[in-house]
């Protein structure tokens, strides 16, 4: 990380500048994939799955047997964590349901507000080295509570052609049965336009890398609803003498490992031990499975 002590105010804007990316060339590449999937459906989706994920997929839809088998592949600790998170998320969103209150503004004139679920929604769940199964709970549970009639989940398969068992377990916990082995731009395109296998949906939710984010922004311009552009990930931690350097380092690394384009920032008072925090960063970084990604992010942090 870059260390800047007592920066003057005219340096602040430069310090917090994010890494700049060339989005024009990215959009052109993404648009070409969107157009191909729109025109050629399943064959295009499978072609890009082979090209980008290095795996041949014959059947994209996950079977009931695969979902049941995932239960046997996870540790009890992971299952327990998913159960606790699921319960907490459900409790929070359940309270957001409110009964319609009819208000008579004038004699004979009644007004009310009514919430109506989006009928068909798509959830994009990143996979690969960091399967975000927690995102399934955060998106799928509110969709179920809201009353969405069809919930489709897309996530990239691993090199073995299978989806990560934690993703399947979490999806099953939520009650999502329409799960497809495809990720990246081709998954966004499939949910936006529909293919022979994957249905067309009314709104697409979920985070992803810069390609997925670009795809969502492009389909939004075509009138297909999305939640919001996500990422790159960033965090700012403010630390004083009461902050634990080990905890601060863990918070910084938790965000840095999201991607090489992530950015983390520590604003520390003079009473905080920066040297201890840097030692913890180095120590904890060595233990991360995504060490290489986090290291690249720290170079810009």
C-alpha atoms as a PDB file:
ATOM      1  CA  UNK A   1       0.000   0.000   0.000  1.00  0.00           C
ATOM      2  CA  UNK A   2       1.036   3.585  -0.562  1.00  0.00           C
ATOM      3  CA  UNK A   3       1.588   5.450   2.691  1.00  0.00           C
ATOM      4  CA  UNK A   4       0.973   9.210   2.795  1.00  0.00           C
ATOM      5  CA  UNK A   5       1.456  11.045   6.081  1.00  0.00           C
ATOM      6  CA  UNK A   6      -0.296  14.323   6.900  1.00  0.00           C
ATOM      7  CA  UNK A   7      -1.374  15.106   3.311  1.00  0.00           C
ATOM      8  CA  UNK A   8      -2.290  18.685   2.556  1.00  0.00           C
ATOM      9  CA  UNK A   9      -5.862  19.386   1.510  1.00  0.00           C
ATOM     10  CA  UNK A  10      -4.900  20.000  -2.132  1.00  0.00           C
ATOM     11  CA  UNK A  11      -3.652  16.366  -2.289  1.00  0.00           C
ATOM     12  CA  UNK A  12      -6.896  14.785  -1.088  1.00  0.00           C
ATOM     13  CA  UNK A  13      -8.605  14.555  -4.480  1.00  0.00           C
ATOM     14  CA  UNK A  14      -5.559  12.929  -6.080  1.00  0.00           C
ATOM     15  CA  UNK A  15      -5.198  10.434  -3.240  1.00  0.00           C
ATOM     16  CA  UNK A  16      -8.738   9.104  -3.585  1.00  0.00           C
ATOM     17  CA  UNK A  17      -8.626   8.868  -7.381  1.00  0.00           C
ATOM     18  CA  UNK A  18      -9.812   5.427  -8.578  1.00  0.00           C
ATOM     19  CA  UNK A  19      -7.851   3.443 -11.191  1.00  0.00           C
ATOM     20  CA  UNK A  20      -9.127   4.506 -14.634  1.00  0.00           C
ATOM     21  CA  UNK A  21     -10.277   1.873 -17.144  1.00  0.00           C
ATOM     22  CA  UNK A  22     -10.863   2.156 -20.877  1.00  0.00           C
ATOM     23  CA  UNK A  23     -14.586   1.382 -20.994  1.00  0.00           C
ATOM     24  CA  UNK A  24     -15.106   2.097 -24.705  1.00  0.00           C
ATOM     25  CA  UNK A  25     -13.226  -0.961 -25.961  1.00  0.00           C
ATOM     26  CA  UNK A  26     -14.794  -3.047 -23.198  1.00  0.00           C
ATOM     27  CA  UNK A  27     -18.309  -2.076 -24.295  1.00  0.00           C
ATOM     28  CA  UNK A  28     -17.591  -3.071 -27.901  1.00  0.00           C
ATOM     29  CA  UNK A  29     -16.436  -6.550 -26.869  1.00  0.00           C
ATOM     30  CA  UNK A  30     -19.420  -7.021 -24.580  1.00  0.00           C
ATOM     31  CA  UNK A  31     -21.926  -5.797 -27.169  1.00  0.00           C
ATOM     32  CA  UNK A  32     -20.617  -8.342 -29.693  1.00  0.00           C
ATOM     33  CA  UNK A  33     -21.312 -11.183 -27.238  1.00  0.00           C
ATOM     34  CA  UNK A  34     -24.773  -9.817 -26.404  1.00  0.00           C
ATOM     35  CA  UNK A  35     -25.653  -9.667 -30.112  1.00  0.00           C
ATOM     36  CA  UNK A  36     -24.367 -13.202 -30.720  1.00  0.00           C
ATOM     37  CA  UNK A  37     -26.416 -14.703 -27.876  1.00  0.00           C
ATOM     38  CA  UNK A  38     -29.512 -12.772 -28.954  1.00  0.00           C
ATOM     39  CA  UNK A  39     -29.160 -14.196 -32.464  1.00  0.00           C
ATOM     40  CA  UNK A  40     -27.896 -17.719 -31.765  1.00  0.00           C
ATOM     41  CA  UNK A  41     -29.228 -18.611 -28.318  1.00  0.00           C
ATOM     42  CA  UNK A  42     -27.931 -21.726 -26.573  1.00  0.00           C
ATOM     43  CA  UNK A  43     -25.162 -22.422 -29.097  1.00  0.00           C
ATOM     44  CA  UNK A  44     -23.626 -18.997 -28.476  1.00  0.00           C
ATOM     45  CA  UNK A  45     -23.936 -19.368 -24.689  1.00  0.00           C
ATOM     46  CA  UNK A  46     -22.136 -22.728 -24.805  1.00  0.00           C
ATOM     47  CA  UNK A  47     -19.492 -21.340 -27.164  1.00  0.00           C
ATOM     48  CA  UNK A  48     -18.559 -18.537 -24.773  1.00  0.00           C
ATOM     49  CA  UNK A  49     -18.711 -20.856 -21.759  1.00  0.00           C
ATOM     50  CA  UNK A  50     -16.071 -22.988 -23.468  1.00  0.00           C
ATOM     51  CA  UNK A  51     -14.034 -19.943 -24.488  1.00  0.00           C
ATOM     52  CA  UNK A  52     -14.023 -18.143 -21.145  1.00  0.00           C
ATOM     53  CA  UNK A  53     -14.593 -20.896 -18.560  1.00  0.00           C
ATOM     54  CA  UNK A  54     -12.712 -23.616 -20.495  1.00  0.00           C
ATOM     55  CA  UNK A  55     -15.479 -26.178 -20.099  1.00  0.00           C
ATOM     56  CA  UNK A  56     -17.863 -27.905 -22.510  1.00  0.00           C
ATOM     57  CA  UNK A  57     -21.455 -27.847 -21.277  1.00  0.00           C
ATOM     58  CA  UNK A  58     -24.045 -30.062 -22.947  1.00  0.00           C
ATOM     59  CA  UNK A  59     -26.889 -29.539 -20.455  1.00  0.00           C
ATOM     60  CA  UNK A  60     -26.968 -26.076 -18.914  1.00  0.00           C
ATOM     61  CA  UNK A  61     -29.816 -26.642 -16.466  1.00  0.00           C
ATOM     62  CA  UNK A  62     -28.768 -28.100 -13.121  1.00  0.00           C
ATOM     63  CA  UNK A  63     -30.595 -31.346 -12.315  1.00  0.00           C
ATOM     64  CA  UNK A  64     -32.357 -32.242  -9.086  1.00  0.00           C
ATOM     65  CA  UNK A  65     -29.741 -34.961  -8.524  1.00  0.00           C
ATOM     66  CA  UNK A  66     -26.935 -32.388  -8.709  1.00  0.00           C
ATOM     67  CA  UNK A  67     -28.686 -30.173  -6.185  1.00  0.00           C
ATOM     68  CA  UNK A  68     -29.196 -33.091  -3.776  1.00  0.00           C
ATOM     69  CA  UNK A  69     -25.576 -34.214  -4.205  1.00  0.00           C
ATOM     70  CA  UNK A  70     -24.284 -30.753  -3.244  1.00  0.00           C
ATOM     71  CA  UNK A  71     -25.626 -31.362   0.265  1.00  0.00           C
ATOM     72  CA  UNK A  72     -23.079 -34.158   0.739  1.00  0.00           C
ATOM     73  CA  UNK A  73     -20.113 -32.053  -0.408  1.00  0.00           C
ATOM     74  CA  UNK A  74     -20.325 -29.237   2.126  1.00  0.00           C
ATOM     75  CA  UNK A  75     -18.987 -29.141   5.672  1.00  0.00           C
ATOM     76  CA  UNK A  76     -21.394 -28.770   8.569  1.00  0.00           C
ATOM     77  CA  UNK A  77     -19.800 -25.395   9.375  1.00  0.00           C
ATOM     78  CA  UNK A  78     -20.679 -23.970   5.949  1.00  0.00           C
ATOM     79  CA  UNK A  79     -24.202 -25.351   6.154  1.00  0.00           C
ATOM     80  CA  UNK A  80     -24.665 -23.845   9.616  1.00  0.00           C
ATOM     81  CA  UNK A  81     -23.394 -20.456   8.413  1.00  0.00           C
ATOM     82  CA  UNK A  82     -25.852 -20.523   5.505  1.00  0.00           C
ATOM     83  CA  UNK A  83     -28.695 -21.481   7.846  1.00  0.00           C
ATOM     84  CA  UNK A  84     -27.920 -18.608  10.241  1.00  0.00           C
ATOM     85  CA  UNK A  85     -27.537 -16.055   7.451  1.00  0.00           C
ATOM     86  CA  UNK A  86     -30.731 -17.265   5.800  1.00  0.00           C
ATOM     87  CA  UNK A  87     -32.690 -16.908   9.025  1.00  0.00           C
ATOM     88  CA  UNK A  88     -31.377 -13.388   9.654  1.00  0.00           C
ATOM     89  CA  UNK A  89     -32.039 -12.182   6.106  1.00  0.00           C
ATOM     90  CA  UNK A  90     -35.541 -13.650   6.133  1.00  0.00           C
ATOM     91  CA  UNK A  91     -36.356 -11.995   9.480  1.00  0.00           C
ATOM     92  CA  UNK A  92     -35.244  -8.601   8.160  1.00  0.00           C
ATOM     93  CA  UNK A  93     -37.090  -8.669   4.837  1.00  0.00           C
ATOM     94  CA  UNK A  94     -40.245 -10.252   6.217  1.00  0.00           C
ATOM     95  CA  UNK A  95     -40.789  -7.062   8.230  1.00  0.00           C
ATOM     96  CA  UNK A  96     -40.800  -5.018   5.019  1.00  0.00           C
ATOM     97  CA  UNK A  97     -44.164  -6.437   4.001  1.00  0.00           C
ATOM     98  CA  UNK A  98     -46.885  -3.931   4.864  1.00  0.00           C
ATOM     99  CA  UNK A  99     -50.631  -4.198   4.495  1.00  0.00           C
ATOM    100  CA  UNK A 100     -52.298  -1.810   2.060  1.00  0.00           C
ATOM    101  CA  UNK A 101     -53.884   1.073   3.930  1.00  0.00           C
ATOM    102  CA  UNK A 102     -56.883   2.676   2.193  1.00  0.00           C
ATOM    103  CA  UNK A 103     -57.118   6.415   2.739  1.00  0.00           C
ATOM    104  CA  UNK A 104     -60.273   8.341   1.865  1.00  0.00           C
ATOM    105  CA  UNK A 105     -58.934  11.703   0.696  1.00  0.00           C
ATOM    106  CA  UNK A 106     -62.418  13.050  -0.120  1.00  0.00           C
ATOM    107  CA  UNK A 107     -65.891  11.564   0.281  1.00  0.00           C
ATOM    108  CA  UNK A 108     -66.009   8.585  -2.080  1.00  0.00           C
ATOM    109  CA  UNK A 109     -62.348   8.945  -3.174  1.00  0.00           C
ATOM    110  CA  UNK A 110     -60.109   6.156  -1.883  1.00  0.00           C
ATOM    111  CA  UNK A 111     -56.333   5.986  -2.442  1.00  0.00           C
ATOM    112  CA  UNK A 112     -53.841   3.328  -1.491  1.00  0.00           C
ATOM    113  CA  UNK A 113     -50.409   2.011  -2.304  1.00  0.00           C
ATOM    114  CA  UNK A 114     -49.924  -1.615  -3.302  1.00  0.00           C
ATOM    115  CA  UNK A 115     -46.681  -3.570  -3.769  1.00  0.00           C
ATOM    116  CA  UNK A 116     -46.694  -5.999  -6.720  1.00  0.00           C
ATOM    117  CA  UNK A 117     -43.909  -8.529  -7.252  1.00  0.00           C
ATOM    118  CA  UNK A 118     -41.938  -8.629 -10.509  1.00  0.00           C
ATOM    119  CA  UNK A 119     -43.176 -11.844 -12.117  1.00  0.00           C
ATOM    120  CA  UNK A 120     -39.889 -13.133 -13.589  1.00  0.00           C
ATOM    121  CA  UNK A 121     -36.458 -12.215 -12.195  1.00  0.00           C
ATOM    122  CA  UNK A 122     -32.918 -13.361 -12.915  1.00  0.00           C
ATOM    123  CA  UNK A 123     -30.137 -13.641 -10.339  1.00  0.00           C
ATOM    124  CA  UNK A 124     -26.521 -13.538 -11.479  1.00  0.00           C
ATOM    125  CA  UNK A 125     -24.159 -15.170  -8.977  1.00  0.00           C
ATOM    126  CA  UNK A 126     -20.373 -14.937  -9.548  1.00  0.00           C
ATOM    127  CA  UNK A 127     -18.587 -18.285  -9.283  1.00  0.00           C
ATOM    128  CA  UNK A 128     -15.046 -19.373 -10.026  1.00  0.00           C
ATOM    129  CA  UNK A 129     -12.501 -18.760  -7.277  1.00  0.00           C
ATOM    130  CA  UNK A 130     -14.989 -16.778  -5.167  1.00  0.00           C
ATOM    131  CA  UNK A 131     -18.522 -18.204  -5.400  1.00  0.00           C
ATOM    132  CA  UNK A 132     -20.767 -15.612  -3.771  1.00  0.00           C
ATOM    133  CA  UNK A 133     -23.361 -17.951  -2.322  1.00  0.00           C
ATOM    134  CA  UNK A 134     -24.274 -15.299   0.261  1.00  0.00           C
ATOM    135  CA  UNK A 135     -25.608 -13.207  -2.636  1.00  0.00           C
ATOM    136  CA  UNK A 136     -28.164 -15.932  -3.362  1.00  0.00           C
ATOM    137  CA  UNK A 137     -29.595 -15.441   0.110  1.00  0.00           C
ATOM    138  CA  UNK A 138     -29.567 -11.644  -0.122  1.00  0.00           C
ATOM    139  CA  UNK A 139     -31.345 -11.652  -3.495  1.00  0.00           C
ATOM    140  CA  UNK A 140     -33.361 -14.853  -3.475  1.00  0.00           C
ATOM    141  CA  UNK A 141     -35.008 -14.519  -0.070  1.00  0.00           C
ATOM    142  CA  UNK A 142     -36.500 -11.049  -0.767  1.00  0.00           C
ATOM    143  CA  UNK A 143     -37.669 -12.299  -4.179  1.00  0.00           C
ATOM    144  CA  UNK A 144     -39.460 -15.219  -2.538  1.00  0.00           C
ATOM    145  CA  UNK A 145     -41.016 -13.027   0.149  1.00  0.00           C
ATOM    146  CA  UNK A 146     -42.144 -10.524  -2.489  1.00  0.00           C
ATOM    147  CA  UNK A 147     -43.907 -13.288  -4.397  1.00  0.00           C
ATOM    148  CA  UNK A 148     -41.915 -13.436  -7.643  1.00  0.00           C
ATOM    149  CA  UNK A 149     -43.387 -16.336  -9.621  1.00  0.00           C
ATOM    150  CA  UNK A 150     -40.206 -17.330 -11.467  1.00  0.00           C
ATOM    151  CA  UNK A 151     -36.670 -16.933 -10.120  1.00  0.00           C
ATOM    152  CA  UNK A 152     -33.825 -17.977 -12.409  1.00  0.00           C
ATOM    153  CA  UNK A 153     -30.231 -18.282 -11.229  1.00  0.00           C
ATOM    154  CA  UNK A 154     -27.166 -18.264 -13.503  1.00  0.00           C
ATOM    155  CA  UNK A 155     -23.621 -18.907 -12.305  1.00  0.00           C
ATOM    156  CA  UNK A 156     -20.479 -20.082 -14.120  1.00  0.00           C
ATOM    157  CA  UNK A 157     -19.452 -23.747 -13.814  1.00  0.00           C
ATOM    158  CA  UNK A 158     -16.061 -24.855 -12.549  1.00  0.00           C
ATOM    159  CA  UNK A 159     -13.450 -26.597 -14.661  1.00  0.00           C
ATOM    160  CA  UNK A 160     -15.175 -29.912 -13.875  1.00  0.00           C
ATOM    161  CA  UNK A 161     -18.389 -28.656 -15.444  1.00  0.00           C
ATOM    162  CA  UNK A 162     -20.151 -28.532 -12.075  1.00  0.00           C
ATOM    163  CA  UNK A 163     -21.439 -25.585 -10.109  1.00  0.00           C
ATOM    164  CA  UNK A 164     -19.967 -24.905  -6.676  1.00  0.00           C
ATOM    165  CA  UNK A 165     -21.890 -26.976  -4.085  1.00  0.00           C
ATOM    166  CA  UNK A 166     -22.364 -23.982  -1.772  1.00  0.00           C
ATOM    167  CA  UNK A 167     -24.227 -22.159  -4.544  1.00  0.00           C
ATOM    168  CA  UNK A 168     -26.516 -25.129  -5.116  1.00  0.00           C
ATOM    169  CA  UNK A 169     -27.070 -25.636  -1.387  1.00  0.00           C
ATOM    170  CA  UNK A 170     -27.955 -21.963  -0.825  1.00  0.00           C
ATOM    171  CA  UNK A 171     -30.241 -21.905  -3.868  1.00  0.00           C
ATOM    172  CA  UNK A 172     -32.045 -25.004  -2.632  1.00  0.00           C
ATOM    173  CA  UNK A 173     -32.370 -23.435   0.819  1.00  0.00           C
ATOM    174  CA  UNK A 174     -34.074 -20.417  -0.744  1.00  0.00           C
ATOM    175  CA  UNK A 175     -36.268 -22.592  -2.958  1.00  0.00           C
ATOM    176  CA  UNK A 176     -34.776 -21.741  -6.371  1.00  0.00           C
ATOM    177  CA  UNK A 177     -35.021 -24.666  -8.797  1.00  0.00           C
ATOM    178  CA  UNK A 178     -34.260 -22.980 -12.154  1.00  0.00           C
ATOM    179  CA  UNK A 179     -30.446 -22.954 -12.033  1.00  0.00           C
ATOM    180  CA  UNK A 180     -28.207 -22.735 -15.110  1.00  0.00           C
ATOM    181  CA  UNK A 181     -24.486 -23.362 -15.599  1.00  0.00           C
ATOM    182  CA  UNK A 182     -23.403 -20.233 -17.376  1.00  0.00           C
ATOM    183  CA  UNK A 183     -21.709 -17.035 -16.331  1.00  0.00           C
ATOM    184  CA  UNK A 184     -20.258 -13.816 -17.663  1.00  0.00           C
ATOM    185  CA  UNK A 185     -21.737 -11.687 -20.416  1.00  0.00           C
ATOM    186  CA  UNK A 186     -23.388 -14.725 -22.032  1.00  0.00           C
ATOM    187  CA  UNK A 187     -25.461 -15.348 -18.877  1.00  0.00           C
ATOM    188  CA  UNK A 188     -26.672 -11.752 -18.770  1.00  0.00           C
ATOM    189  CA  UNK A 189     -27.550 -11.955 -22.478  1.00  0.00           C
ATOM    190  CA  UNK A 190     -29.424 -15.245 -22.027  1.00  0.00           C
ATOM    191  CA  UNK A 191     -31.563 -13.861 -19.203  1.00  0.00           C
ATOM    192  CA  UNK A 192     -32.162 -10.597 -21.069  1.00  0.00           C
ATOM    193  CA  UNK A 193     -33.204 -12.059 -24.433  1.00  0.00           C
ATOM    194  CA  UNK A 194     -34.073 -15.676 -23.632  1.00  0.00           C
ATOM    195  CA  UNK A 195     -32.680 -18.783 -25.358  1.00  0.00           C
ATOM    196  CA  UNK A 196     -34.026 -22.234 -26.140  1.00  0.00           C
ATOM    197  CA  UNK A 197     -33.160 -23.258 -22.551  1.00  0.00           C
ATOM    198  CA  UNK A 198     -32.983 -20.108 -20.432  1.00  0.00           C
ATOM    199  CA  UNK A 199     -36.178 -18.026 -20.187  1.00  0.00           C
ATOM    200  CA  UNK A 200     -36.343 -14.301 -20.843  1.00  0.00           C
ATOM    201  CA  UNK A 201     -36.728 -12.358 -17.609  1.00  0.00           C
ATOM    202  CA  UNK A 202     -38.092  -8.957 -16.656  1.00  0.00           C
ATOM    203  CA  UNK A 203     -35.332  -7.748 -14.340  1.00  0.00           C
ATOM    204  CA  UNK A 204     -31.769  -8.942 -13.656  1.00  0.00           C
ATOM    205  CA  UNK A 205     -30.034  -8.654 -10.306  1.00  0.00           C
ATOM    206  CA  UNK A 206     -26.579  -9.474  -8.992  1.00  0.00           C
ATOM    207  CA  UNK A 207     -22.933  -8.376  -8.969  1.00  0.00           C
ATOM    208  CA  UNK A 208     -20.140  -9.343 -11.351  1.00  0.00           C
ATOM    209  CA  UNK A 209     -16.848  -8.306 -12.867  1.00  0.00           C
ATOM    210  CA  UNK A 210     -16.390  -5.389 -15.267  1.00  0.00           C
ATOM    211  CA  UNK A 211     -17.687  -7.463 -18.206  1.00  0.00           C
ATOM    212  CA  UNK A 212     -20.876  -8.440 -16.390  1.00  0.00           C
ATOM    213  CA  UNK A 213     -21.396  -4.860 -15.220  1.00  0.00           C
ATOM    214  CA  UNK A 214     -20.926  -3.551 -18.752  1.00  0.00           C
ATOM    215  CA  UNK A 215     -23.397  -6.131 -20.082  1.00  0.00           C
ATOM    216  CA  UNK A 216     -26.022  -5.074 -17.546  1.00  0.00           C
ATOM    217  CA  UNK A 217     -25.560  -1.417 -18.417  1.00  0.00           C
ATOM    218  CA  UNK A 218     -25.881  -2.124 -22.147  1.00  0.00           C
ATOM    219  CA  UNK A 219     -29.077  -4.176 -21.837  1.00  0.00           C
ATOM    220  CA  UNK A 220     -30.524  -1.479 -19.592  1.00  0.00           C
ATOM    221  CA  UNK A 221     -30.155   0.943 -22.505  1.00  0.00           C
ATOM    222  CA  UNK A 222     -32.361  -1.466 -24.478  1.00  0.00           C
ATOM    223  CA  UNK A 223     -35.147  -1.239 -21.912  1.00  0.00           C
ATOM    224  CA  UNK A 224     -34.310  -4.352 -19.872  1.00  0.00           C
ATOM    225  CA  UNK A 225     -34.388  -3.600 -16.149  1.00  0.00           C
ATOM    226  CA  UNK A 226     -31.388  -4.182 -13.868  1.00  0.00           C
ATOM    227  CA  UNK A 227     -30.760  -3.468 -10.204  1.00  0.00           C
ATOM    228  CA  UNK A 228     -27.653  -1.264 -10.431  1.00  0.00           C
ATOM    229  CA  UNK A 229     -24.082  -1.356 -11.746  1.00  0.00           C
ATOM    230  CA  UNK A 230     -21.879  -3.074  -9.158  1.00  0.00           C
ATOM    231  CA  UNK A 231     -18.212  -2.541  -8.382  1.00  0.00           C
ATOM    232  CA  UNK A 232     -15.326  -2.172  -8.476  1.00  0.00           C
ATOM    233  CA  UNK A 233     -15.251  -2.957  -4.768  1.00  0.00           C
ATOM    234  CA  UNK A 234     -13.855  -0.372  -2.396  1.00  0.00           C
ATOM    235  CA  UNK A 235     -13.745   0.344   1.302  1.00  0.00           C
ATOM    236  CA  UNK A 236     -12.468   3.100   3.564  1.00  0.00           C
ATOM    237  CA  UNK A 237     -11.530   2.295   7.165  1.00  0.00           C
ATOM    238  CA  UNK A 238     -11.093   5.047   9.756  1.00  0.00           C
ATOM    239  CA  UNK A 239      -8.837   3.958  12.617  1.00  0.00           C
ATOM    240  CA  UNK A 240      -7.825   5.605  15.896  1.00  0.00           C
ATOM    241  CA  UNK A 241      -6.003   4.321  18.973  1.00  0.00           C
ATOM    242  CA  UNK A 242      -8.961   2.066  19.871  1.00  0.00           C
ATOM    243  CA  UNK A 243      -8.792   0.137  16.576  1.00  0.00           C
ATOM    244  CA  UNK A 244      -7.256  -3.338  16.480  1.00  0.00           C
ATOM    245  CA  UNK A 245      -4.572  -3.434  13.709  1.00  0.00           C
ATOM    246  CA  UNK A 246      -5.344  -7.110  12.991  1.00  0.00           C
ATOM    247  CA  UNK A 247      -9.058  -6.373  12.479  1.00  0.00           C
ATOM    248  CA  UNK A 248      -8.292  -3.350  10.306  1.00  0.00           C
ATOM    249  CA  UNK A 249      -5.968  -5.430   8.115  1.00  0.00           C
ATOM    250  CA  UNK A 250      -8.624  -8.145   7.781  1.00  0.00           C
ATOM    251  CA  UNK A 251     -11.243  -5.584   6.696  1.00  0.00           C
ATOM    252  CA  UNK A 252      -8.898  -4.153   4.074  1.00  0.00           C
ATOM    253  CA  UNK A 253      -7.998  -7.573   2.687  1.00  0.00           C
ATOM    254  CA  UNK A 254     -11.623  -8.739   2.644  1.00  0.00           C
ATOM    255  CA  UNK A 255     -12.326  -6.015   0.102  1.00  0.00           C
ATOM    256  CA  UNK A 256      -9.009  -6.172  -1.767  1.00  0.00           C
ATOM    257  CA  UNK A 257      -9.494  -9.838  -2.638  1.00  0.00           C
ATOM    258  CA  UNK A 258     -12.682  -9.052  -4.590  1.00  0.00           C
ATOM    259  CA  UNK A 259     -10.693  -8.149  -7.684  1.00  0.00           C
ATOM    260  CA  UNK A 260      -7.500  -6.609  -8.997  1.00  0.00           C
ATOM    261  CA  UNK A 261      -9.442  -3.401  -9.685  1.00  0.00           C
ATOM    262  CA  UNK A 262     -10.631  -3.138  -6.077  1.00  0.00           C
ATOM    263  CA  UNK A 263      -9.349  -0.294  -3.955  1.00  0.00           C
ATOM    264  CA  UNK A 264      -8.984  -0.038  -0.191  1.00  0.00           C
ATOM    265  CA  UNK A 265      -8.101   2.962   1.917  1.00  0.00           C
ATOM    266  CA  UNK A 266      -7.062   3.379   5.539  1.00  0.00           C
ATOM    267  CA  UNK A 267      -7.394   6.797   7.154  1.00  0.00           C
ATOM    268  CA  UNK A 268      -5.530   6.645  10.458  1.00  0.00           C
ATOM    269  CA  UNK A 269      -5.031   9.060  13.303  1.00  0.00           C
ATOM    270  CA  UNK A 270      -1.495   9.598  14.582  1.00  0.00           C
ATOM    271  CA  UNK A 271      -2.355   7.448  17.588  1.00  0.00           C
ATOM    272  CA  UNK A 272      -3.021   4.348  15.446  1.00  0.00           C
ATOM    273  CA  UNK A 273      -0.086   1.965  14.971  1.00  0.00           C
ATOM    274  CA  UNK A 274       0.278   1.833  11.189  1.00  0.00           C
ATOM    275  CA  UNK A 275       3.394  -0.360  11.365  1.00  0.00           C
ATOM    276  CA  UNK A 276       1.513  -3.071  13.261  1.00  0.00           C
ATOM    277  CA  UNK A 277      -1.289  -2.882  10.702  1.00  0.00           C
ATOM    278  CA  UNK A 278       1.158  -3.284   7.808  1.00  0.00           C
ATOM    279  CA  UNK A 279       2.710  -6.305   9.525  1.00  0.00           C
ATOM    280  CA  UNK A 280      -0.771  -7.821   9.887  1.00  0.00           C
ATOM    281  CA  UNK A 281      -1.530  -7.091   6.235  1.00  0.00           C
ATOM    282  CA  UNK A 282       1.594  -8.955   5.170  1.00  0.00           C
ATOM    283  CA  UNK A 283       0.924 -11.854   7.540  1.00  0.00           C
ATOM    284  CA  UNK A 284      -2.730 -12.307   6.605  1.00  0.00           C
ATOM    285  CA  UNK A 285      -2.093 -11.796   2.895  1.00  0.00           C
ATOM    286  CA  UNK A 286       0.152 -14.882   2.858  1.00  0.00           C
ATOM    287  CA  UNK A 287      -2.765 -16.997   4.089  1.00  0.00           C
ATOM    288  CA  UNK A 288      -5.287 -15.855   1.474  1.00  0.00           C
ATOM    289  CA  UNK A 289      -6.243 -18.268  -1.330  1.00  0.00           C
ATOM    290  CA  UNK A 290      -6.748 -15.139  -3.469  1.00  0.00           C
ATOM    291  CA  UNK A 291      -3.378 -13.663  -2.515  1.00  0.00           C
ATOM    292  CA  UNK A 292      -2.394 -12.708  -6.059  1.00  0.00           C
ATOM    293  CA  UNK A 293      -5.618 -10.768  -6.674  1.00  0.00           C
ATOM    294  CA  UNK A 294      -5.452  -8.968  -3.325  1.00  0.00           C
ATOM    295  CA  UNK A 295      -1.795  -8.062  -3.899  1.00  0.00           C
ATOM    296  CA  UNK A 296      -2.635  -6.344  -7.198  1.00  0.00           C
ATOM    297  CA  UNK A 297      -5.444  -4.401  -5.543  1.00  0.00           C
ATOM    298  CA  UNK A 298      -3.145  -3.264  -2.744  1.00  0.00           C
ATOM    299  CA  UNK A 299      -0.761  -1.758  -5.298  1.00  0.00           C
ATOM    300  CA  UNK A 300      -3.440   0.853  -6.081  1.00  0.00           C
ATOM    301  CA  UNK A 301      -4.543   1.322  -2.491  1.00  0.00           C
END
